[in-house]
Amino acid sequence: MRNRANFTSHLVRQNARLVKQRYPNLQRQDLKLLDSLTQTLRLSISKGEILWIDGKWYISHAGLLNISLRRRCLGIRTILQKSFCDSNANRWVFKAIVYKSPLSRGFVGYGDADPSNVSSLVHGAEMRVAETRAVNRALRKAYGIGLCSVEELGTAPRSNASPSFEQPKSSTNGNNGHHNGNGQPRLRDRLCLLIRQHHLDAGLVKAYAADYCGTTALRAASRDLVEDFINNLAERATKDRDGLLCQLNSYSKPQEAAQ
């Protein structure tokens, strides 16, 4: 119990520190809600388990799975609802059942996805999105979690053209802005390279970066924060690309949040 209390206290302090960096304009009631969620659900901002989007807190698929593991969930079953699916239109519907214990009758959740309600970033992966949404809804029911998950958010239609990052300003050190004084690539160049290497949506990365750094635009963030973001992005793109894609998807303008 003492170890658990120590872990929770550490997480509360860590989340409080990060939230001041990323969301400096949060209202007191929102900070109190974060403190409560941290203590009851033990969700981590740094791991992307809880996110602040459009004035609300959202839980992620990673956060829900973490909760289910800690509470010793017996198992999760997913079933494709064929009668509601249309493979030609990339429309998929899943039913998920979460079993908390051997005697559990199961908690049911449904999830759907098609090109009209997912980001262009995950077009072609609608089946996986639908299954994730179903699992998330079932887990939220099973463990009484009122927060909507980011993966359940619908998205407004967006242009296929991804906004490009601003071009680096010309440098006065004679390196044409591609390297800093130590011969290392500029942060902006590193970020653009990551986007190309991992086939990420530049517009969504920009939104995520600004949110991560707690600024209205990436160029307004300090160099240390931008470097921290780039390192974090590189690590997640390599180790947890699916989770990163889901988080980036959350920065598409939502049509409505699932209730």
Protein backbone atom coordinates (compact mmCIF):
# COMPACT_ATOMS: atom_id res chain seq x y z
CA MET A 1 0.00 0.00 0.00
CA ARG A 2 2.85 2.37 0.83
CA ASN A 3 4.47 1.77 -2.55
CA ARG A 4 1.16 2.46 -4.27
CA ALA A 5 0.70 5.67 -2.28
CA ASN A 6 4.24 6.78 -3.12
CA PHE A 7 3.68 6.06 -6.81
CA THR A 8 0.41 8.00 -6.84
CA SER A 9 1.99 10.97 -5.05
CA HIS A 10 4.86 10.99 -7.54
CA LEU A 11 2.41 10.83 -10.46
CA VAL A 12 0.35 13.71 -9.04
CA ARG A 13 3.48 15.87 -8.83
CA GLN A 14 4.66 14.82 -12.30
CA ASN A 15 1.28 15.56 -13.90
CA ALA A 16 1.07 18.91 -12.09
CA ARG A 17 4.50 19.89 -13.42
CA LEU A 18 3.72 18.85 -16.99
CA VAL A 19 0.30 20.47 -17.06
CA LYS A 20 1.83 23.83 -16.08
CA GLN A 21 4.26 23.53 -19.00
CA ARG A 22 1.78 22.34 -21.63
CA TYR A 23 -1.48 24.00 -20.56
CA PRO A 24 -0.55 27.16 -18.61
CA ASN A 25 -4.00 28.72 -19.01
CA LEU A 26 -6.00 25.89 -17.45
CA GLN A 27 -8.73 26.92 -15.03
CA ARG A 28 -8.59 25.90 -11.38
CA GLN A 29 -11.52 23.49 -11.72
CA ASP A 30 -9.76 21.72 -14.59
CA LEU A 31 -6.60 21.36 -12.50
CA LYS A 32 -8.65 19.96 -9.63
CA LEU A 33 -10.27 17.46 -11.97
CA LEU A 34 -6.83 16.36 -13.19
CA ASP A 35 -5.69 15.90 -9.59
CA SER A 36 -8.77 13.77 -8.86
CA LEU A 37 -8.33 11.68 -12.02
CA THR A 38 -4.66 11.13 -11.23
CA GLN A 39 -5.43 9.89 -7.74
CA THR A 40 -8.36 7.66 -8.66
CA LEU A 41 -7.29 6.34 -12.07
CA ARG A 42 -3.51 6.93 -11.91
CA LEU A 43 -3.32 8.31 -15.44
CA SER A 44 -0.08 9.78 -16.78
CA ILE A 45 0.14 12.83 -19.03
CA SER A 46 3.69 12.00 -20.13
CA LYS A 47 2.58 8.56 -21.36
CA GLY A 48 -0.35 10.00 -23.28
CA GLU A 49 -2.92 8.29 -21.03
CA ILE A 50 -4.86 11.50 -20.45
CA LEU A 51 -5.05 14.50 -22.80
CA TRP A 52 -6.49 18.02 -22.76
CA ILE A 53 -8.37 18.73 -26.02
CA ASP A 54 -10.73 21.61 -26.81
CA GLY A 55 -11.33 22.42 -23.15
CA LYS A 56 -11.91 18.85 -21.93
CA TRP A 57 -9.93 15.96 -20.49
CA TYR A 58 -9.93 12.74 -22.53
CA ILE A 59 -8.58 9.31 -21.72
CA SER A 60 -6.63 7.32 -24.32
CA HIS A 61 -6.72 3.65 -25.30
CA ALA A 62 -3.36 3.21 -23.55
CA GLY A 63 -4.81 4.66 -20.35
CA LEU A 64 -7.83 2.36 -20.46
CA LEU A 65 -5.67 -0.72 -21.04
CA ASN A 66 -3.43 0.30 -18.15
CA ILE A 67 -6.45 0.57 -15.85
CA SER A 68 -7.76 -2.83 -16.96
CA LEU A 69 -4.38 -4.46 -16.32
CA ARG A 70 -4.06 -2.93 -12.85
CA ARG A 71 -7.58 -4.11 -11.97
CA ARG A 72 -6.87 -7.60 -13.31
CA CYS A 73 -9.35 -7.68 -16.15
CA LEU A 74 -10.04 -11.30 -17.08
CA GLY A 75 -10.32 -10.72 -20.81
CA ILE A 76 -11.71 -8.78 -23.75
CA ARG A 77 -13.60 -10.31 -26.69
CA THR A 78 -14.28 -8.49 -29.94
CA ILE A 79 -16.82 -9.55 -32.59
CA LEU A 80 -17.16 -8.09 -36.08
CA GLN A 81 -20.77 -7.07 -36.73
CA LYS A 82 -20.90 -8.22 -40.35
CA SER A 83 -24.49 -7.15 -41.02
CA PHE A 84 -23.55 -3.52 -40.37
CA CYS A 85 -20.26 -3.56 -42.30
CA ASP A 86 -19.48 -2.58 -45.88
CA SER A 87 -15.95 -3.49 -46.94
CA ASN A 88 -16.30 -1.57 -50.22
CA ALA A 89 -17.02 1.62 -48.28
CA ASN A 90 -14.48 0.80 -45.56
CA ARG A 91 -17.23 0.90 -42.96
CA TRP A 92 -16.73 -1.43 -39.99
CA VAL A 93 -18.63 -2.07 -36.77
CA PHE A 94 -17.37 -4.09 -33.80
CA LYS A 95 -18.88 -5.32 -30.58
CA ALA A 96 -16.54 -5.66 -27.60
CA ILE A 97 -17.19 -7.52 -24.36
CA VAL A 98 -15.06 -6.93 -21.26
CA TYR A 99 -15.01 -9.64 -18.58
CA LYS A 100 -13.81 -8.34 -15.23
CA SER A 101 -13.88 -11.73 -13.47
CA PRO A 102 -14.73 -15.39 -14.11
CA LEU A 103 -18.32 -14.75 -12.96
CA SER A 104 -18.76 -11.55 -14.95
CA ARG A 105 -21.55 -11.53 -17.54
CA GLY A 106 -19.55 -8.98 -19.50
CA PHE A 107 -19.77 -5.28 -20.28
CA VAL A 108 -20.64 -4.53 -23.92
CA GLY A 109 -19.53 -1.66 -26.10
CA TYR A 110 -19.89 -0.95 -29.83
CA GLY A 111 -17.58 0.97 -32.11
CA ASP A 112 -17.85 2.02 -35.75
CA ALA A 113 -15.48 3.69 -38.20
CA ASP A 114 -15.52 4.75 -41.82
CA PRO A 115 -13.61 7.34 -43.87
CA SER A 116 -16.07 10.08 -42.86
CA ASN A 117 -15.37 9.86 -39.12
CA VAL A 118 -11.64 9.16 -38.93
CA SER A 119 -8.64 11.30 -39.74
CA SER A 120 -7.01 11.06 -43.16
CA LEU A 121 -3.99 9.89 -41.18
CA VAL A 122 -5.64 6.50 -40.57
CA HIS A 123 -7.55 6.04 -43.81
CA GLY A 124 -7.23 2.37 -44.73
CA ALA A 125 -7.15 1.35 -41.06
CA GLU A 126 -10.85 1.90 -40.31
CA MET A 127 -11.30 -1.71 -39.16
CA ARG A 128 -8.70 -1.29 -36.44
CA VAL A 129 -10.14 2.06 -35.37
CA ALA A 130 -13.62 0.55 -35.08
CA GLU A 131 -12.33 -2.30 -32.91
CA THR A 132 -10.39 0.11 -30.69
CA ARG A 133 -13.47 2.29 -30.22
CA ALA A 134 -15.58 -0.72 -29.26
CA VAL A 135 -12.99 -1.89 -26.73
CA ASN A 136 -12.71 1.60 -25.27
CA ARG A 137 -16.46 1.92 -24.75
CA ALA A 138 -16.69 -1.51 -23.15
CA LEU A 139 -13.76 -0.73 -20.82
CA ARG A 140 -15.27 2.61 -19.82
CA LYS A 141 -18.53 0.86 -18.92
CA ALA A 142 -16.79 -1.93 -17.05
CA TYR A 143 -14.75 0.42 -14.85
CA GLY A 144 -17.18 3.32 -14.56
CA ILE A 145 -15.04 5.84 -16.43
CA GLY A 146 -17.00 8.88 -17.55
CA LEU A 147 -14.22 10.41 -19.63
CA CYS A 148 -14.66 9.97 -23.37
CA SER A 149 -11.65 8.39 -25.06
CA VAL A 150 -9.77 10.27 -27.78
CA GLU A 151 -10.16 7.35 -30.18
CA GLU A 152 -13.95 7.69 -30.01
CA LEU A 153 -13.91 11.24 -31.35
CA GLY A 154 -15.32 11.73 -34.83
CA THR A 155 -13.52 14.07 -37.19
CA ALA A 156 -14.66 16.77 -39.55
CA PRO A 157 -13.70 16.42 -43.23
CA ARG A 158 -10.23 17.78 -43.83
CA SER A 159 -8.14 18.50 -46.87
CA ASN A 160 -5.84 15.78 -48.14
CA ALA A 161 -3.13 18.38 -48.40
CA SER A 162 -1.12 18.54 -45.20
CA PRO A 163 -0.04 22.01 -44.09
CA SER A 164 3.70 22.35 -44.29
CA PHE A 165 5.93 23.64 -41.53
CA GLU A 166 7.30 27.11 -41.90
CA GLN A 167 10.64 27.20 -43.66
CA PRO A 168 13.63 27.80 -41.38
CA LYS A 169 14.81 31.37 -41.35
CA SER A 170 18.11 32.10 -42.99
CA SER A 171 21.02 31.74 -40.61
CA THR A 172 23.80 34.25 -40.26
CA ASN A 173 26.45 31.61 -39.63
CA GLY A 174 26.78 30.64 -43.27
CA ASN A 175 25.10 27.22 -43.00
CA ASN A 176 21.88 28.24 -44.83
CA GLY A 177 19.83 27.34 -41.77
CA HIS A 178 20.24 23.56 -42.12
CA HIS A 179 22.59 23.13 -39.15
CA ASN A 180 23.30 24.97 -35.95
CA GLY A 181 26.68 26.30 -34.94
CA ASN A 182 27.80 22.86 -33.76
CA GLY A 183 27.16 21.25 -37.13
CA GLN A 184 24.00 19.51 -35.85
CA PRO A 185 20.68 19.57 -37.83
CA ARG A 186 18.29 22.33 -36.79
CA LEU A 187 15.33 21.26 -34.64
CA ARG A 188 12.88 22.17 -37.41
CA ASP A 189 14.79 20.03 -39.90
CA ARG A 190 14.84 17.11 -37.44
CA LEU A 191 11.08 17.42 -37.01
CA CYS A 192 10.43 17.51 -40.76
CA LEU A 193 12.66 14.46 -41.19
CA LEU A 194 10.70 12.55 -38.53
CA ILE A 195 7.44 13.38 -40.27
CA ARG A 196 8.74 12.08 -43.60
CA GLN A 197 10.37 8.97 -42.11
CA HIS A 198 7.26 7.86 -40.22
CA HIS A 199 4.67 9.13 -42.75
CA LEU A 200 2.96 11.43 -40.24
CA ASP A 201 0.43 14.17 -40.98
CA ALA A 202 2.35 17.45 -40.69
CA GLY A 203 -0.74 19.45 -39.73
CA LEU A 204 -1.62 17.12 -36.86
CA VAL A 205 1.99 17.05 -35.68
CA LYS A 206 1.97 20.85 -35.60
CA ALA A 207 -1.18 20.86 -33.46
CA TYR A 208 0.24 18.20 -31.15
CA ALA A 209 3.55 20.08 -30.86
CA ALA A 210 1.87 23.35 -29.93
CA ASP A 211 -0.31 21.56 -27.36
CA TYR A 212 2.69 19.69 -25.94
CA CYS A 213 4.67 22.92 -25.58
CA GLY A 214 1.70 24.87 -24.25
CA THR A 215 1.88 27.56 -26.92
CA THR A 216 -0.45 28.79 -29.66
CA ALA A 217 2.19 28.01 -32.29
CA LEU A 218 5.31 25.87 -32.32
CA ARG A 219 7.57 28.80 -33.17
CA ALA A 220 6.53 30.50 -29.91
CA ALA A 221 7.90 27.62 -27.80
CA SER A 222 11.33 27.63 -26.20
CA ARG A 223 14.10 25.60 -27.78
CA ASP A 224 14.23 23.23 -24.80
CA LEU A 225 10.52 22.45 -25.07
CA VAL A 226 10.72 21.89 -28.83
CA GLU A 227 13.71 19.60 -28.41
CA ASP A 228 11.88 17.67 -25.69
CA PHE A 229 8.86 17.30 -27.98
CA ILE A 230 10.97 16.06 -30.89
CA ASN A 231 12.71 13.48 -28.71
CA ASN A 232 9.35 12.32 -27.37
CA LEU A 233 7.88 12.13 -30.88
CA ALA A 234 10.85 10.12 -32.17
CA GLU A 235 10.59 7.62 -29.31
CA ARG A 236 6.84 7.13 -29.68
CA ALA A 237 7.04 6.84 -33.47
CA THR A 238 9.56 4.03 -33.06
CA LYS A 239 8.12 2.18 -30.05
CA ASP A 240 4.36 2.89 -30.18
CA ARG A 241 3.40 4.18 -33.62
CA ASP A 242 -0.22 3.00 -33.35
CA GLY A 243 -0.65 4.88 -30.08
CA LEU A 244 0.98 7.96 -31.59
CA LEU A 245 -1.34 7.84 -34.61
CA CYS A 246 -4.37 7.65 -32.33
CA GLN A 247 -3.14 10.64 -30.36
CA LEU A 248 -2.44 12.65 -33.51
CA ASN A 249 -5.90 11.71 -34.76
CA SER A 250 -7.36 13.40 -31.69
CA TYR A 251 -6.13 16.76 -33.00
CA SER A 252 -8.44 16.60 -36.00
CA LYS A 253 -11.46 18.84 -35.38
CA PRO A 254 -14.13 16.66 -33.72
CA GLN A 255 -17.67 16.65 -35.02
CA GLU A 256 -18.95 15.33 -31.74
CA ALA A 257 -17.70 13.27 -28.85
CA ALA A 258 -19.25 9.90 -28.19
CA GLN A 259 -21.33 9.91 -25.04
